[in-house]
N, C-alpha and C. Protein backbone atom coordinates (compact mmCIF):
# COMPACT_ATOMS: atom_id res chain seq x y z
N MET A 1 1.63 -8.27 -10.91
CA MET A 1 2.65 -8.45 -10.22
C MET A 1 3.38 -7.87 -9.28
N THR A 2 4.08 -8.68 -8.18
CA THR A 2 4.11 -8.25 -6.88
C THR A 2 6.01 -8.45 -7.27
N SER A 3 7.23 -7.09 -6.98
CA SER A 3 8.48 -7.88 -7.19
C SER A 3 8.45 -8.05 -5.80
N ASP A 4 9.56 -8.56 -5.54
CA ASP A 4 10.14 -8.44 -4.30
C ASP A 4 10.77 -7.27 -3.50
N ALA A 5 11.38 -6.23 -4.34
CA ALA A 5 10.88 -4.59 -3.38
C ALA A 5 9.64 -4.50 -3.09
N GLN A 6 9.09 -4.88 -3.66
CA GLN A 6 7.05 -4.50 -2.81
C GLN A 6 7.23 -5.19 -2.35
N ARG A 7 7.63 -6.93 -2.60
CA ARG A 7 7.17 -7.66 -0.92
C ARG A 7 8.18 -7.02 0.37
N ALA A 8 8.63 -6.93 0.19
CA ALA A 8 10.08 -6.35 1.15
C ALA A 8 9.59 -4.90 1.35
N ALA A 9 8.70 -4.17 0.84
CA ALA A 9 8.55 -2.61 1.82
C ALA A 9 7.45 -2.95 2.72
N ILE A 10 5.96 -3.66 1.44
CA ILE A 10 5.03 -4.31 2.36
C ILE A 10 5.13 -4.87 3.83
N LYS A 11 6.43 -5.50 3.59
CA LYS A 11 7.08 -6.47 4.87
C LYS A 11 7.41 -5.19 6.24
N LYS A 12 8.09 -3.94 6.05
CA LYS A 12 8.15 -3.01 6.88
C LYS A 12 7.35 -3.04 7.21
N MET A 13 6.19 -2.09 6.68
CA MET A 13 4.77 -1.10 6.61
C MET A 13 4.79 -1.74 7.48
N ILE A 14 4.30 -3.20 7.07
CA ILE A 14 3.17 -3.97 8.38
C ILE A 14 4.24 -4.43 9.68
N GLU A 15 5.39 -4.67 9.82
CA GLU A 15 6.06 -4.50 10.62
C GLU A 15 6.25 -3.14 11.74
N ARG A 16 6.09 -1.98 11.29
CA ARG A 16 6.03 -0.60 11.34
C ARG A 16 5.03 -0.56 12.59
N HIS A 17 3.49 -1.07 11.66
CA HIS A 17 1.90 -0.68 11.86
C HIS A 17 2.44 -1.83 13.27
N THR A 18 2.91 -2.84 13.67
CA THR A 18 2.38 -3.92 13.87
C THR A 18 3.58 -3.16 15.64
N LYS A 19 4.40 -2.72 15.59
CA LYS A 19 5.57 -1.96 16.40
C LYS A 19 4.27 -0.91 16.59
N ALA A 20 3.60 -0.20 16.47
CA ALA A 20 3.11 1.04 16.62
C ALA A 20 1.93 0.87 17.54
N VAL A 21 1.17 -0.27 17.29
CA VAL A 21 -0.18 -0.94 18.14
C VAL A 21 0.20 -1.19 19.12
N THR A 22 1.30 -1.99 19.34
CA THR A 22 1.26 -3.29 20.02
C THR A 22 2.28 -1.88 21.27
N THR A 23 2.03 -1.01 21.29
CA THR A 23 3.07 -0.40 23.04
C THR A 23 2.06 -0.53 23.95
N SER A 24 1.25 -0.33 23.37
CA SER A 24 0.54 -0.88 25.30
C SER A 24 -0.55 -1.44 24.69
N LYS A 25 -1.47 -2.09 25.69
CA LYS A 25 -2.98 -2.31 25.30
C LYS A 25 -3.65 -1.17 25.43
N LYS A 26 -4.31 0.28 25.70
CA LYS A 26 -4.58 1.36 24.87
C LYS A 26 -4.25 1.40 23.53
N ALA A 27 -3.20 1.20 23.17
CA ALA A 27 -2.77 1.39 21.63
C ALA A 27 -3.39 0.29 20.50
N ALA A 28 -3.16 -1.11 21.46
CA ALA A 28 -3.46 -2.29 20.52
C ALA A 28 -5.12 -1.77 20.29
N ARG A 29 -5.93 -1.62 21.81
CA ARG A 29 -8.02 -1.70 21.94
C ARG A 29 -7.80 -0.70 20.68
N ASP A 30 -7.34 0.43 20.81
CA ASP A 30 -7.74 2.00 19.71
C ASP A 30 -7.38 1.11 18.96
N SER A 31 -6.66 0.78 18.22
CA SER A 31 -6.38 0.32 17.17
C SER A 31 -6.94 -0.65 16.54
N LEU A 32 -7.57 -2.31 17.09
CA LEU A 32 -9.26 -2.66 17.04
C LEU A 32 -10.14 -2.39 16.54
N ILE A 33 -10.19 -0.89 17.67
CA ILE A 33 -11.55 -0.61 17.63
C ILE A 33 -11.50 0.82 15.60
N LYS A 34 -10.50 0.95 15.59
CA LYS A 34 -10.09 1.74 15.00
C LYS A 34 -10.60 0.77 12.93
N GLU A 35 -9.78 -0.09 13.01
CA GLU A 35 -10.11 -1.45 12.14
C GLU A 35 -11.22 -2.06 11.78
N GLY A 36 -11.64 -1.83 13.03
CA GLY A 36 -13.79 -2.40 12.79
C GLY A 36 -13.32 -4.07 13.65
N VAL A 37 -12.50 -4.36 13.87
CA VAL A 37 -12.41 -5.41 15.07
C VAL A 37 -13.49 -5.52 16.34
N TYR A 38 -13.51 -4.47 17.00
CA TYR A 38 -14.22 -4.22 18.30
C TYR A 38 -15.37 -3.02 17.67
N THR A 39 -16.07 -2.82 18.57
CA THR A 39 -16.73 -1.91 19.21
C THR A 39 -16.40 -1.06 20.31
N ARG A 40 -16.46 0.32 20.24
CA ARG A 40 -16.34 1.43 21.19
C ARG A 40 -16.06 0.25 22.20
N ASP A 41 -17.70 -0.47 22.97
CA ASP A 41 -17.83 -0.24 24.34
C ASP A 41 -17.47 -2.47 24.25
N GLY A 42 -15.69 -2.22 23.62
CA GLY A 42 -16.19 -3.22 23.59
C GLY A 42 -15.81 -4.50 23.02
N LYS A 43 -17.08 -5.06 22.46
CA LYS A 43 -17.59 -5.51 22.29
C LYS A 43 -17.01 -6.45 20.68
N LEU A 44 -17.47 -7.72 20.78
CA LEU A 44 -16.56 -8.41 18.94
C LEU A 44 -17.37 -7.13 17.75
N ALA A 45 -17.24 -7.32 16.68
CA ALA A 45 -18.32 -6.46 15.78
C ALA A 45 -18.59 -7.38 15.03
N PRO A 46 -20.26 -7.19 14.18
CA PRO A 46 -20.81 -8.18 14.12
C PRO A 46 -20.30 -8.58 12.54
N SER A 47 -19.63 -7.95 12.28
CA SER A 47 -18.52 -8.92 10.96
C SER A 47 -17.84 -9.71 10.93
N TYR A 48 -17.52 -9.80 13.09
CA TYR A 48 -16.35 -10.88 13.22
C TYR A 48 -17.08 -11.85 13.80
N GLY A 49 -18.31 -11.50 13.63
CA GLY A 49 -18.97 -12.25 14.95
C GLY A 49 -19.87 -12.25 15.95
N GLY A 50 -19.35 -11.49 16.40
CA GLY A 50 -20.29 -9.90 17.37
C GLY A 50 -21.55 -10.36 17.59
N PRO A 51 -22.45 -10.19 18.05
CA PRO A 51 -23.97 -9.57 17.83
C PRO A 51 -24.36 -8.62 16.87
N GLU A 52 -25.72 -8.88 16.45
CA GLU A 52 -25.61 -8.32 15.56
C GLU A 52 -26.99 -7.14 16.16
N LYS A 53 -26.83 -6.12 15.74
CA LYS A 53 -27.66 -5.11 16.03
C LYS A 53 -29.13 -5.76 15.57
N LYS A 54 -30.05 -5.64 16.99
CA LYS A 54 -31.50 -5.59 16.55
C LYS A 54 -32.20 -4.44 16.18
N PHE A 55 -32.61 -4.20 15.33
CA PHE A 55 -33.99 -3.28 15.18
C PHE A 55 -34.80 -3.59 15.62
N ALA A 56 -35.97 -1.95 16.24
CA ALA A 56 -37.87 -2.71 16.51
C ALA A 56 -37.90 -2.38 15.58
């Protein structure tokens, strides 16, 4: 079970992360790539609805 103190600490960590990754468009894009939401070429990752890679 999560205590109030743990929830508060998690909320602070999320706020710090959000502030850090939204400082610029580049930081936001890099974060989404690192998290696997987008590929390096700017396409949506397959696990988030982007096109699947087709192998010959």
